[in-house]
Amino acid sequence: MDLLIRNETPEDYRQVEELTREAFWNLHVPGCNEHYLVHIMRSHPDFLPEFDFVAVFDNRIVGNIMYVKSCLINEEDLAIDTITFGPVSVLPEYQKKGVGSALIKNSIKKAIGYGYKAIIIEGHPYNYCKHGFVGSKSVNVGDSEGRYPYSLLVLEIEKGCLQNHEWKFHPSSVYDLNENDFSNYDKLFLPKEKGYKPTQEEFNIASNAFIE
């Protein structure tokens, strides 16, 4: 696909939220909240507008990726500034055509230029290990309780920067969504039927799995 990848503009906001809603509807849970997350992320202090990209094909926005600040803190209380992306959204009819991969690769190159040491995300390893991400335990990165979630993935931009320490990941507070808030926000969109998909059980299993 001949994609144009550029920064999101305010004129894109509604279209990006609509495509995000389409991309995630009934995927992880009945309905979704990712479009509300996109909405509030732009005004959050951790938001990184220079890492907010859309993918355009045939004059239509078909994908989006957004980043926020995060950090790692080790056993000596030494902190490293990291960045986190999510959601990565692609319209259903353009999925599995390289749109998401193009957005991820483009943003990783951008991160290298900004001097960030690592990108930390939560997602399915199948989707991200092909981009160089590894399981968090292999680089000594745990969650705030010191556990190693199956879904916690790390890309060392500066190779070896996490060696010889034990790290805890501290994500942005933007991901702490209020259920009532996003339910009310969803009412501003055209009604869609909530339902069950097998991917919801897969998501539930992956979200509650830890590496020993």
N, C-alpha and C. Protein backbone atom coordinates (compact mmCIF):
# COMPACT_ATOMS: atom_id res chain seq x y z
N MET A 1 0.83 -1.20 0.00
CA MET A 1 0.00 0.00 0.00
C MET A 1 0.86 1.25 0.00
N ASP A 2 0.44 2.23 -0.73
CA ASP A 2 1.15 3.50 -0.81
C ASP A 2 0.57 4.43 0.26
N LEU A 3 1.14 4.35 1.46
CA LEU A 3 0.63 5.10 2.59
C LEU A 3 1.36 6.42 2.78
N LEU A 4 0.63 7.44 3.20
CA LEU A 4 1.22 8.68 3.69
C LEU A 4 1.08 8.67 5.20
N ILE A 5 2.20 8.79 5.90
CA ILE A 5 2.17 8.87 7.36
C ILE A 5 2.55 10.28 7.77
N ARG A 6 1.68 10.92 8.52
CA ARG A 6 1.90 12.31 8.94
C ARG A 6 1.36 12.47 10.35
N ASN A 7 1.68 13.61 10.97
CA ASN A 7 1.13 13.91 12.28
C ASN A 7 -0.36 14.20 12.20
N GLU A 8 -1.06 13.83 13.25
CA GLU A 8 -2.48 14.13 13.35
C GLU A 8 -2.67 15.64 13.54
N THR A 9 -3.74 16.18 12.99
CA THR A 9 -4.11 17.58 13.17
C THR A 9 -5.47 17.65 13.87
N PRO A 10 -5.83 18.80 14.45
CA PRO A 10 -7.14 18.91 15.10
C PRO A 10 -8.30 18.57 14.17
N GLU A 11 -8.13 18.83 12.88
CA GLU A 11 -9.19 18.52 11.92
C GLU A 11 -9.41 17.01 11.79
N ASP A 12 -8.43 16.23 12.21
CA ASP A 12 -8.52 14.77 12.12
C ASP A 12 -9.18 14.13 13.32
N TYR A 13 -9.36 14.87 14.41
CA TYR A 13 -9.69 14.26 15.69
C TYR A 13 -10.93 13.35 15.63
N ARG A 14 -12.03 13.87 15.10
CA ARG A 14 -13.26 13.07 15.10
C ARG A 14 -13.09 11.84 14.22
N GLN A 15 -12.48 11.99 13.07
CA GLN A 15 -12.29 10.86 12.18
C GLN A 15 -11.42 9.78 12.82
N VAL A 16 -10.40 10.19 13.54
CA VAL A 16 -9.52 9.23 14.21
C VAL A 16 -10.28 8.50 15.32
N GLU A 17 -11.10 9.23 16.06
CA GLU A 17 -11.87 8.57 17.12
C GLU A 17 -12.88 7.59 16.54
N GLU A 18 -13.47 7.94 15.41
CA GLU A 18 -14.43 7.03 14.78
C GLU A 18 -13.74 5.77 14.26
N LEU A 19 -12.55 5.94 13.66
CA LEU A 19 -11.86 4.75 13.15
C LEU A 19 -11.36 3.88 14.31
N THR A 20 -10.97 4.51 15.42
CA THR A 20 -10.55 3.76 16.59
C THR A 20 -11.71 2.94 17.15
N ARG A 21 -12.86 3.54 17.18
CA ARG A 21 -14.06 2.83 17.65
C ARG A 21 -14.37 1.64 16.75
N GLU A 22 -14.27 1.84 15.45
CA GLU A 22 -14.51 0.74 14.52
C GLU A 22 -13.47 -0.37 14.69
N ALA A 23 -12.23 0.02 14.91
CA ALA A 23 -11.14 -0.95 15.00
C ALA A 23 -11.27 -1.85 16.23
N PHE A 24 -11.77 -1.31 17.34
CA PHE A 24 -11.78 -2.04 18.60
C PHE A 24 -13.15 -2.53 19.05
N TRP A 25 -14.19 -2.19 18.32
CA TRP A 25 -15.54 -2.52 18.79
C TRP A 25 -15.70 -4.04 18.95
N ASN A 26 -16.04 -4.45 20.14
CA ASN A 26 -16.26 -5.86 20.50
C ASN A 26 -14.99 -6.72 20.41
N LEU A 27 -13.84 -6.12 20.23
CA LEU A 27 -12.61 -6.90 20.07
C LEU A 27 -12.12 -7.46 21.40
N HIS A 28 -12.02 -6.61 22.41
CA HIS A 28 -11.51 -7.03 23.72
C HIS A 28 -12.61 -7.21 24.76
N VAL A 29 -13.64 -6.41 24.64
CA VAL A 29 -14.81 -6.46 25.52
C VAL A 29 -16.03 -6.11 24.68
N PRO A 30 -17.23 -6.37 25.16
CA PRO A 30 -18.40 -5.88 24.43
C PRO A 30 -18.35 -4.35 24.33
N GLY A 31 -18.41 -3.83 23.12
CA GLY A 31 -18.19 -2.41 22.90
C GLY A 31 -16.71 -2.11 22.89
N CYS A 32 -16.32 -0.93 23.34
CA CYS A 32 -14.89 -0.60 23.50
C CYS A 32 -14.78 0.76 24.17
N ASN A 33 -13.58 1.09 24.66
CA ASN A 33 -13.34 2.41 25.26
C ASN A 33 -12.16 3.13 24.63
N GLU A 34 -11.53 2.50 23.62
CA GLU A 34 -10.32 3.07 23.05
C GLU A 34 -10.54 4.43 22.39
N HIS A 35 -11.72 4.67 21.83
CA HIS A 35 -11.97 5.97 21.21
C HIS A 35 -12.05 7.08 22.26
N TYR A 36 -12.55 6.73 23.44
CA TYR A 36 -12.54 7.71 24.54
C TYR A 36 -11.13 7.95 25.04
N LEU A 37 -10.33 6.89 25.11
CA LEU A 37 -8.93 7.04 25.49
C LEU A 37 -8.21 7.99 24.55
N VAL A 38 -8.41 7.82 23.24
CA VAL A 38 -7.82 8.73 22.26
C VAL A 38 -8.26 10.16 22.53
N HIS A 39 -9.53 10.34 22.85
CA HIS A 39 -10.08 11.67 23.08
C HIS A 39 -9.41 12.38 24.25
N ILE A 40 -9.24 11.68 25.37
CA ILE A 40 -8.67 12.33 26.56
C ILE A 40 -7.14 12.37 26.52
N MET A 41 -6.54 11.49 25.73
CA MET A 41 -5.09 11.42 25.70
C MET A 41 -4.48 12.73 25.20
N ARG A 42 -5.12 13.35 24.23
CA ARG A 42 -4.56 14.56 23.60
C ARG A 42 -4.39 15.71 24.58
N SER A 43 -5.18 15.75 25.63
CA SER A 43 -5.10 16.85 26.60
C SER A 43 -4.39 16.44 27.88
N HIS A 44 -3.86 15.23 27.92
CA HIS A 44 -3.17 14.75 29.13
C HIS A 44 -1.73 15.26 29.14
N PRO A 45 -1.18 15.58 30.31
CA PRO A 45 0.20 16.10 30.37
C PRO A 45 1.25 15.11 29.88
N ASP A 46 0.94 13.83 29.84
CA ASP A 46 1.91 12.84 29.36
C ASP A 46 1.87 12.66 27.84
N PHE A 47 0.93 13.28 27.18
CA PHE A 47 0.76 13.09 25.74
C PHE A 47 1.97 13.65 24.98
N LEU A 48 2.36 12.93 23.93
CA LEU A 48 3.48 13.33 23.08
C LEU A 48 2.96 13.61 21.67
N PRO A 49 2.57 14.85 21.39
CA PRO A 49 1.96 15.15 20.09
C PRO A 49 2.88 14.89 18.91
N GLU A 50 4.20 14.98 19.14
CA GLU A 50 5.13 14.71 18.04
C GLU A 50 5.14 13.24 17.64
N PHE A 51 4.55 12.36 18.50
CA PHE A 51 4.46 10.94 18.21
C PHE A 51 3.01 10.51 17.92
N ASP A 52 2.20 11.46 17.54
CA ASP A 52 0.79 11.19 17.19
C ASP A 52 0.68 11.18 15.67
N PHE A 53 0.57 9.97 15.09
CA PHE A 53 0.61 9.83 13.63
C PHE A 53 -0.67 9.21 13.09
N VAL A 54 -1.02 9.62 11.87
CA VAL A 54 -2.09 8.97 11.13
C VAL A 54 -1.51 8.40 9.84
N ALA A 55 -2.12 7.32 9.38
CA ALA A 55 -1.78 6.74 8.08
C ALA A 55 -2.91 7.06 7.12
N VAL A 56 -2.55 7.62 5.99
CA VAL A 56 -3.55 8.06 5.00
C VAL A 56 -3.38 7.23 3.73
N PHE A 57 -4.49 6.69 3.24
CA PHE A 57 -4.50 5.96 1.98
C PHE A 57 -5.66 6.46 1.14
N ASP A 58 -5.35 6.85 -0.08
CA ASP A 58 -6.38 7.34 -1.01
C ASP A 58 -7.19 8.47 -0.36
N ASN A 59 -6.47 9.41 0.29
CA ASN A 59 -7.07 10.59 0.93
C ASN A 59 -8.00 10.25 2.10
N ARG A 60 -7.84 9.08 2.66
CA ARG A 60 -8.66 8.66 3.80
C ARG A 60 -7.75 8.21 4.93
N ILE A 61 -8.04 8.66 6.15
CA ILE A 61 -7.28 8.20 7.31
C ILE A 61 -7.70 6.77 7.63
N VAL A 62 -6.74 5.84 7.58
CA VAL A 62 -7.06 4.42 7.79
C VAL A 62 -6.39 3.86 9.04
N GLY A 63 -5.51 4.64 9.67
CA GLY A 63 -4.84 4.15 10.87
C GLY A 63 -4.28 5.28 11.70
N ASN A 64 -3.97 4.97 12.96
CA ASN A 64 -3.47 5.97 13.90
C ASN A 64 -2.65 5.30 14.99
N ILE A 65 -1.63 6.01 15.47
CA ILE A 65 -0.86 5.57 16.63
C ILE A 65 -0.58 6.77 17.51
N MET A 66 -0.65 6.59 18.83
CA MET A 66 -0.44 7.68 19.77
C MET A 66 0.47 7.21 20.90
N TYR A 67 1.27 8.13 21.41
CA TYR A 67 2.24 7.83 22.47
C TYR A 67 2.06 8.76 23.67
N VAL A 68 2.44 8.23 24.83
CA VAL A 68 2.51 9.03 26.05
C VAL A 68 3.82 8.71 26.77
N LYS A 69 4.18 9.58 27.69
CA LYS A 69 5.36 9.36 28.52
C LYS A 69 5.08 8.25 29.53
N SER A 70 6.12 7.51 29.85
CA SER A 70 6.08 6.52 30.92
C SER A 70 7.47 6.49 31.55
N CYS A 71 7.69 5.61 32.51
CA CYS A 71 9.04 5.54 33.07
C CYS A 71 9.30 4.19 33.71
N LEU A 72 10.57 3.90 33.88
CA LEU A 72 11.03 2.73 34.61
C LEU A 72 11.81 3.21 35.83
N ILE A 73 11.62 2.54 36.97
CA ILE A 73 12.37 2.86 38.18
C ILE A 73 13.01 1.57 38.70
N ASN A 74 14.31 1.65 39.00
CA ASN A 74 15.00 0.43 39.44
C ASN A 74 15.12 0.36 40.96
N GLU A 75 15.83 -0.68 41.42
CA GLU A 75 15.93 -0.94 42.86
C GLU A 75 16.71 0.14 43.60
N GLU A 76 17.42 1.00 42.86
CA GLU A 76 18.15 2.10 43.47
C GLU A 76 17.40 3.43 43.33
N ASP A 77 16.14 3.34 42.93
CA ASP A 77 15.28 4.51 42.68
C ASP A 77 15.81 5.38 41.54
N LEU A 78 16.58 4.79 40.66
CA LEU A 78 17.01 5.48 39.45
C LEU A 78 15.90 5.34 38.41
N ALA A 79 15.51 6.45 37.81
CA ALA A 79 14.42 6.45 36.84
C ALA A 79 14.95 6.65 35.42
N ILE A 80 14.31 5.98 34.49
CA ILE A 80 14.59 6.16 33.07
C ILE A 80 13.29 6.58 32.39
N ASP A 81 13.33 7.67 31.65
CA ASP A 81 12.16 8.10 30.89
C ASP A 81 11.97 7.17 29.70
N THR A 82 10.77 6.63 29.56
CA THR A 82 10.43 5.77 28.44
C THR A 82 9.16 6.31 27.79
N ILE A 83 8.76 5.70 26.69
CA ILE A 83 7.53 6.09 26.03
C ILE A 83 6.69 4.85 25.75
N THR A 84 5.40 5.07 25.64
CA THR A 84 4.44 3.97 25.47
C THR A 84 3.44 4.33 24.40
N PHE A 85 3.18 3.40 23.48
CA PHE A 85 2.12 3.65 22.51
C PHE A 85 0.91 2.78 22.81
N GLY A 86 -0.19 3.22 22.28
CA GLY A 86 -1.45 2.51 22.41
C GLY A 86 -2.57 3.50 22.69
N PRO A 87 -3.67 3.37 21.96
CA PRO A 87 -3.91 2.30 21.01
C PRO A 87 -3.25 2.52 19.65
N VAL A 88 -3.07 1.41 18.94
CA VAL A 88 -2.77 1.45 17.51
C VAL A 88 -4.05 1.02 16.81
N SER A 89 -4.60 1.89 16.00
CA SER A 89 -5.91 1.64 15.42
C SER A 89 -5.84 1.59 13.90
N VAL A 90 -6.48 0.58 13.33
CA VAL A 90 -6.57 0.45 11.87
C VAL A 90 -8.00 0.07 11.52
N LEU A 91 -8.58 0.75 10.55
CA LEU A 91 -9.92 0.40 10.11
C LEU A 91 -9.98 -1.08 9.75
N PRO A 92 -11.05 -1.76 10.12
CA PRO A 92 -11.13 -3.21 9.88
C PRO A 92 -10.84 -3.63 8.45
N GLU A 93 -11.30 -2.88 7.47
CA GLU A 93 -11.08 -3.29 6.09
C GLU A 93 -9.65 -3.09 5.61
N TYR A 94 -8.82 -2.42 6.43
CA TYR A 94 -7.41 -2.21 6.08
C TYR A 94 -6.47 -2.97 7.00
N GLN A 95 -7.02 -3.79 7.90
CA GLN A 95 -6.18 -4.57 8.80
C GLN A 95 -5.50 -5.71 8.05
N LYS A 96 -4.33 -6.12 8.56
CA LYS A 96 -3.51 -7.18 7.96
C LYS A 96 -2.98 -6.80 6.58
N LYS A 97 -2.83 -5.50 6.37
CA LYS A 97 -2.27 -5.01 5.11
C LYS A 97 -1.02 -4.16 5.34
N GLY A 98 -0.50 -4.19 6.56
CA GLY A 98 0.74 -3.48 6.84
C GLY A 98 0.59 -2.07 7.37
N VAL A 99 -0.63 -1.62 7.60
CA VAL A 99 -0.84 -0.25 8.07
C VAL A 99 -0.31 -0.07 9.48
N GLY A 100 -0.70 -0.97 10.39
CA GLY A 100 -0.22 -0.88 11.76
C GLY A 100 1.29 -1.01 11.85
N SER A 101 1.85 -1.92 11.08
CA SER A 101 3.31 -2.11 11.08
C SER A 101 4.02 -0.85 10.60
N ALA A 102 3.46 -0.21 9.56
CA ALA A 102 4.08 1.02 9.04
C ALA A 102 4.07 2.12 10.09
N LEU A 103 2.98 2.24 10.83
CA LEU A 103 2.89 3.25 11.88
C LEU A 103 3.89 2.97 13.00
N ILE A 104 4.02 1.71 13.39
CA ILE A 104 4.95 1.34 14.46
C ILE A 104 6.39 1.59 14.03
N LYS A 105 6.75 1.13 12.84
CA LYS A 105 8.12 1.31 12.35
C LYS A 105 8.48 2.79 12.24
N ASN A 106 7.56 3.58 11.75
CA ASN A 106 7.80 5.02 11.60
C ASN A 106 8.03 5.67 12.96
N SER A 107 7.23 5.29 13.95
CA SER A 107 7.36 5.91 15.27
C SER A 107 8.62 5.44 16.00
N ILE A 108 9.04 4.21 15.78
CA ILE A 108 10.29 3.74 16.38
C ILE A 108 11.47 4.54 15.85
N LYS A 109 11.48 4.79 14.57
CA LYS A 109 12.55 5.62 13.98
C LYS A 109 12.54 7.01 14.60
N LYS A 110 11.35 7.54 14.82
CA LYS A 110 11.22 8.85 15.44
C LYS A 110 11.79 8.83 16.86
N ALA A 111 11.49 7.77 17.59
CA ALA A 111 11.96 7.66 18.99
C ALA A 111 13.48 7.63 19.06
N ILE A 112 14.11 6.95 18.11
CA ILE A 112 15.57 6.91 18.06
C ILE A 112 16.13 8.32 17.94
N GLY A 113 15.52 9.13 17.09
CA GLY A 113 15.98 10.49 16.89
C GLY A 113 15.82 11.39 18.10
N TYR A 114 14.88 11.03 19.00
CA TYR A 114 14.63 11.84 20.19
C TYR A 114 15.45 11.37 21.39
N GLY A 115 16.18 10.30 21.24
CA GLY A 115 17.05 9.85 22.32
C GLY A 115 16.41 9.03 23.41
N TYR A 116 15.20 8.55 23.20
CA TYR A 116 14.58 7.69 24.21
C TYR A 116 15.30 6.35 24.27
N LYS A 117 15.39 5.78 25.47
CA LYS A 117 16.13 4.54 25.66
C LYS A 117 15.28 3.29 25.42
N ALA A 118 13.97 3.38 25.66
CA ALA A 118 13.13 2.20 25.52
C ALA A 118 11.67 2.58 25.29
N ILE A 119 10.97 1.67 24.62
CA ILE A 119 9.52 1.77 24.43
C ILE A 119 8.90 0.60 25.19
N ILE A 120 7.94 0.90 26.05
CA ILE A 120 7.27 -0.12 26.85
C ILE A 120 5.80 -0.13 26.48
N ILE A 121 5.25 -1.30 26.16
CA ILE A 121 3.84 -1.38 25.78
C ILE A 121 3.19 -2.57 26.47
N GLU A 122 1.87 -2.61 26.39
CA GLU A 122 1.11 -3.78 26.78
C GLU A 122 0.32 -4.24 25.57
N GLY A 123 0.54 -5.49 25.16
CA GLY A 123 -0.12 -5.99 23.98
C GLY A 123 0.18 -7.46 23.76
N HIS A 124 -0.38 -8.01 22.70
CA HIS A 124 -0.17 -9.42 22.39
C HIS A 124 1.20 -9.60 21.74
N PRO A 125 2.05 -10.46 22.29
CA PRO A 125 3.39 -10.64 21.71
C PRO A 125 3.39 -10.93 20.21
N TYR A 126 2.39 -11.65 19.73
CA TYR A 126 2.33 -12.00 18.31
C TYR A 126 2.36 -10.75 17.43
N ASN A 127 1.76 -9.68 17.91
CA ASN A 127 1.67 -8.47 17.10
C ASN A 127 2.93 -7.62 17.14
N TYR A 128 3.75 -7.79 18.18
CA TYR A 128 4.82 -6.81 18.40
C TYR A 128 6.24 -7.39 18.44
N CYS A 129 6.39 -8.68 18.67
CA CYS A 129 7.74 -9.24 18.69
C CYS A 129 8.42 -9.11 17.34
N LYS A 130 7.66 -9.09 16.27
CA LYS A 130 8.23 -8.93 14.94
C LYS A 130 8.85 -7.55 14.75
N HIS A 131 8.53 -6.62 15.65
CA HIS A 131 9.11 -5.28 15.59
C HIS A 131 10.27 -5.12 16.58
N GLY A 132 10.69 -6.22 17.19
CA GLY A 132 11.83 -6.17 18.09
C GLY A 132 11.50 -6.16 19.57
N PHE A 133 10.22 -6.16 19.91
CA PHE A 133 9.83 -6.20 21.32
C PHE A 133 10.08 -7.58 21.91
N VAL A 134 10.43 -7.60 23.19
CA VAL A 134 10.65 -8.86 23.90
C VAL A 134 9.83 -8.87 25.18
N GLY A 135 9.65 -10.07 25.73
CA GLY A 135 8.96 -10.17 27.00
C GLY A 135 9.69 -9.43 28.10
N SER A 136 8.94 -8.81 28.98
CA SER A 136 9.55 -7.92 29.98
C SER A 136 10.52 -8.64 30.90
N LYS A 137 10.27 -9.91 31.20
CA LYS A 137 11.14 -10.61 32.14
C LYS A 137 12.55 -10.76 31.59
N SER A 138 12.69 -10.86 30.28
CA SER A 138 14.01 -11.07 29.69
C SER A 138 14.90 -9.84 29.83
N VAL A 139 14.30 -8.68 30.14
CA VAL A 139 15.10 -7.47 30.37
C VAL A 139 14.86 -6.91 31.77
N ASN A 140 14.35 -7.77 32.67
CA ASN A 140 14.19 -7.43 34.10
C ASN A 140 13.25 -6.26 34.34
N VAL A 141 12.16 -6.21 33.57
CA VAL A 141 11.16 -5.16 33.75
C VAL A 141 9.86 -5.79 34.24
N GLY A 142 9.46 -5.44 35.45
CA GLY A 142 8.21 -5.94 36.00
C GLY A 142 7.17 -4.84 36.11
N ASP A 143 5.98 -5.21 36.54
CA ASP A 143 4.95 -4.21 36.79
C ASP A 143 5.19 -3.58 38.16
N SER A 144 4.27 -2.76 38.63
CA SER A 144 4.47 -2.04 39.89
C SER A 144 4.56 -2.98 41.09
N GLU A 145 4.09 -4.24 40.93
CA GLU A 145 4.15 -5.22 42.00
C GLU A 145 5.31 -6.19 41.82
N GLY A 146 6.12 -5.95 40.79
CA GLY A 146 7.27 -6.81 40.57
C GLY A 146 6.97 -8.08 39.80
N ARG A 147 5.77 -8.21 39.26
CA ARG A 147 5.40 -9.38 38.47
C ARG A 147 5.75 -9.13 36.99
N TYR A 148 5.71 -10.20 36.20
CA TYR A 148 6.04 -10.09 34.79
C TYR A 148 4.82 -10.47 33.94
N PRO A 149 3.97 -9.51 33.62
CA PRO A 149 2.79 -9.82 32.81
C PRO A 149 3.17 -10.35 31.43
N TYR A 150 2.41 -11.32 30.97
CA TYR A 150 2.59 -11.87 29.63
C TYR A 150 2.52 -10.79 28.57
N SER A 151 1.69 -9.79 28.81
CA SER A 151 1.44 -8.76 27.81
C SER A 151 2.39 -7.57 27.88
N LEU A 152 3.27 -7.53 28.89
CA LEU A 152 4.18 -6.39 29.04
C LEU A 152 5.42 -6.63 28.17
N LEU A 153 5.63 -5.74 27.21
CA LEU A 153 6.67 -5.92 26.19
C LEU A 153 7.59 -4.71 26.16
N VAL A 154 8.85 -4.98 25.85
CA VAL A 154 9.88 -3.93 25.91
C VAL A 154 10.71 -3.94 24.63
N LEU A 155 10.96 -2.75 24.12
CA LEU A 155 11.91 -2.57 23.02
C LEU A 155 13.02 -1.65 23.50
N GLU A 156 14.22 -2.21 23.66
CA GLU A 156 15.38 -1.40 24.03
C GLU A 156 15.86 -0.65 22.78
N ILE A 157 15.72 0.65 22.78
CA ILE A 157 16.27 1.45 21.68
C ILE A 157 17.77 1.58 21.86
N GLU A 158 18.18 1.80 23.11
CA GLU A 158 19.60 1.77 23.45
C GLU A 158 19.90 0.38 24.00
N LYS A 159 20.47 -0.46 23.18
CA LYS A 159 20.66 -1.86 23.52
C LYS A 159 21.49 -2.00 24.82
N GLY A 160 20.99 -2.83 25.72
CA GLY A 160 21.69 -3.10 26.96
C GLY A 160 21.46 -2.08 28.06
N CYS A 161 20.61 -1.09 27.81
CA CYS A 161 20.44 -0.01 28.80
C CYS A 161 19.76 -0.49 30.08
N LEU A 162 19.11 -1.64 30.05
CA LEU A 162 18.38 -2.12 31.22
C LEU A 162 19.11 -3.23 31.97
N GLN A 163 20.29 -3.57 31.51
CA GLN A 163 21.04 -4.66 32.13
C GLN A 163 21.50 -4.30 33.54
N ASN A 164 21.65 -5.33 34.35
CA ASN A 164 22.24 -5.23 35.70
C ASN A 164 21.36 -4.52 36.71
N HIS A 165 20.07 -4.37 36.39
CA HIS A 165 19.13 -3.76 37.34
C HIS A 165 17.79 -4.48 37.24
N GLU A 166 16.98 -4.30 38.29
CA GLU A 166 15.60 -4.76 38.29
C GLU A 166 14.71 -3.52 38.18
N TRP A 167 13.81 -3.53 37.20
CA TRP A 167 13.01 -2.34 36.90
C TRP A 167 11.53 -2.59 37.14
N LYS A 168 10.83 -1.52 37.53
CA LYS A 168 9.37 -1.55 37.61
C LYS A 168 8.81 -0.51 36.65
N PHE A 169 7.81 -0.95 35.91
CA PHE A 169 7.19 -0.08 34.89
C PHE A 169 6.09 0.75 35.51
N HIS A 170 6.12 2.05 35.21
CA HIS A 170 5.10 2.98 35.68
C HIS A 170 4.44 3.65 34.48
N PRO A 171 3.26 3.17 34.09
CA PRO A 171 2.58 3.73 32.91
C PRO A 171 1.95 5.08 33.24
N SER A 172 1.53 5.76 32.21
CA SER A 172 0.83 7.03 32.37
C SER A 172 -0.53 6.81 33.03
N SER A 173 -0.96 7.77 33.82
CA SER A 173 -2.27 7.71 34.45
C SER A 173 -3.41 7.88 33.45
N VAL A 174 -3.10 8.24 32.21
CA VAL A 174 -4.15 8.43 31.21
C VAL A 174 -4.91 7.12 30.97
N TYR A 175 -4.26 5.99 31.24
CA TYR A 175 -4.91 4.70 30.99
C TYR A 175 -5.87 4.29 32.11
N ASP A 176 -5.94 5.09 33.18
CA ASP A 176 -6.87 4.80 34.27
C ASP A 176 -8.22 5.42 33.95
N LEU A 177 -8.99 4.74 33.12
CA LEU A 177 -10.23 5.31 32.62
C LEU A 177 -11.38 5.15 33.61
N ASN A 178 -12.27 6.14 33.59
CA ASN A 178 -13.50 6.09 34.38
C ASN A 178 -14.61 5.53 33.49
N GLU A 179 -15.19 4.41 33.92
CA GLU A 179 -16.18 3.73 33.10
C GLU A 179 -17.38 4.61 32.76
N ASN A 180 -17.85 5.38 33.72
CA ASN A 180 -19.00 6.25 33.47
C ASN A 180 -18.68 7.32 32.44
N ASP A 181 -17.46 7.84 32.51
CA ASP A 181 -17.07 8.89 31.57
C ASP A 181 -17.06 8.37 30.14
N PHE A 182 -16.46 7.19 29.90
CA PHE A 182 -16.39 6.73 28.52
C PHE A 182 -17.74 6.21 28.04
N SER A 183 -18.59 5.72 28.94
CA SER A 183 -19.93 5.31 28.54
C SER A 183 -20.73 6.51 28.05
N ASN A 184 -20.61 7.62 28.76
CA ASN A 184 -21.31 8.84 28.34
C ASN A 184 -20.75 9.38 27.04
N TYR A 185 -19.43 9.29 26.88
CA TYR A 185 -18.82 9.80 25.65
C TYR A 185 -19.26 8.98 24.44
N ASP A 186 -19.42 7.69 24.61
CA ASP A 186 -19.82 6.84 23.50
C ASP A 186 -21.19 7.21 22.96
N LYS A 187 -22.02 7.85 23.78
CA LYS A 187 -23.35 8.24 23.34
C LYS A 187 -23.30 9.32 22.27
N LEU A 188 -22.14 9.95 22.08
CA LEU A 188 -21.98 10.98 21.05
C LEU A 188 -21.75 10.37 19.66
N PHE A 189 -21.65 9.05 19.59
CA PHE A 189 -21.41 8.35 18.33
C PHE A 189 -22.66 7.58 17.91
N LEU A 190 -22.69 7.17 16.65
CA LEU A 190 -23.81 6.38 16.17
C LEU A 190 -23.91 5.08 16.96
N PRO A 191 -25.11 4.64 17.28
CA PRO A 191 -25.27 3.41 18.07
C PRO A 191 -24.67 2.20 17.35
N LYS A 192 -24.03 1.34 18.13
CA LYS A 192 -23.51 0.08 17.63
C LYS A 192 -23.89 -1.01 18.63
N GLU A 193 -24.12 -2.20 18.13
CA GLU A 193 -24.53 -3.29 19.00
C GLU A 193 -23.33 -3.92 19.68
N LYS A 194 -23.39 -4.02 21.00
CA LYS A 194 -22.35 -4.71 21.74
C LYS A 194 -22.59 -6.22 21.67
N GLY A 195 -21.50 -6.97 21.57
CA GLY A 195 -21.66 -8.41 21.46
C GLY A 195 -20.39 -9.14 21.84
N TYR A 196 -20.47 -10.47 21.76
CA TYR A 196 -19.35 -11.32 22.15
C TYR A 196 -18.56 -11.78 20.93
N LYS A 197 -17.22 -11.80 21.06
CA LYS A 197 -16.33 -12.40 20.08
C LYS A 197 -15.32 -13.27 20.83
N PRO A 198 -14.84 -14.35 20.24
CA PRO A 198 -13.83 -15.17 20.91
C PRO A 198 -12.58 -14.39 21.30
N THR A 199 -12.28 -13.31 20.57
CA THR A 199 -11.10 -12.50 20.90
C THR A 199 -11.20 -11.89 22.30
N GLN A 200 -12.42 -11.76 22.82
CA GLN A 200 -12.58 -11.20 24.16
C GLN A 200 -12.04 -12.16 25.21
N GLU A 201 -12.25 -13.46 25.02
CA GLU A 201 -11.72 -14.43 25.97
C GLU A 201 -10.20 -14.53 25.84
N GLU A 202 -9.71 -14.44 24.61
CA GLU A 202 -8.26 -14.42 24.40
C GLU A 202 -7.63 -13.23 25.12
N PHE A 203 -8.28 -12.08 25.01
CA PHE A 203 -7.77 -10.88 25.67
C PHE A 203 -7.79 -11.04 27.18
N ASN A 204 -8.87 -11.62 27.69
CA ASN A 204 -8.99 -11.82 29.14
C ASN A 204 -7.89 -12.75 29.66
N ILE A 205 -7.61 -13.83 28.92
CA ILE A 205 -6.57 -14.76 29.33
C ILE A 205 -5.20 -14.06 29.32
N ALA A 206 -4.91 -13.38 28.21
CA ALA A 206 -3.61 -12.73 28.06
C ALA A 206 -3.40 -11.64 29.11
N SER A 207 -4.47 -10.92 29.44
CA SER A 207 -4.38 -9.80 30.38
C SER A 207 -4.14 -10.27 31.81
N ASN A 208 -4.47 -11.52 32.09
CA ASN A 208 -4.34 -12.04 33.45
C ASN A 208 -3.25 -13.11 33.57
N ALA A 209 -2.39 -13.18 32.56
CA ALA A 209 -1.31 -14.17 32.57
C ALA A 209 0.01 -13.52 32.97
N PHE A 210 0.81 -14.25 33.73
CA PHE A 210 2.11 -13.74 34.18
C PHE A 210 3.19 -14.80 33.93
N ILE A 211 4.40 -14.32 33.67
CA ILE A 211 5.55 -15.18 33.45
C ILE A 211 6.25 -15.43 34.79
N GLU A 212 6.46 -16.67 35.12
CA GLU A 212 7.12 -17.01 36.39
C GLU A 212 8.65 -17.06 36.18
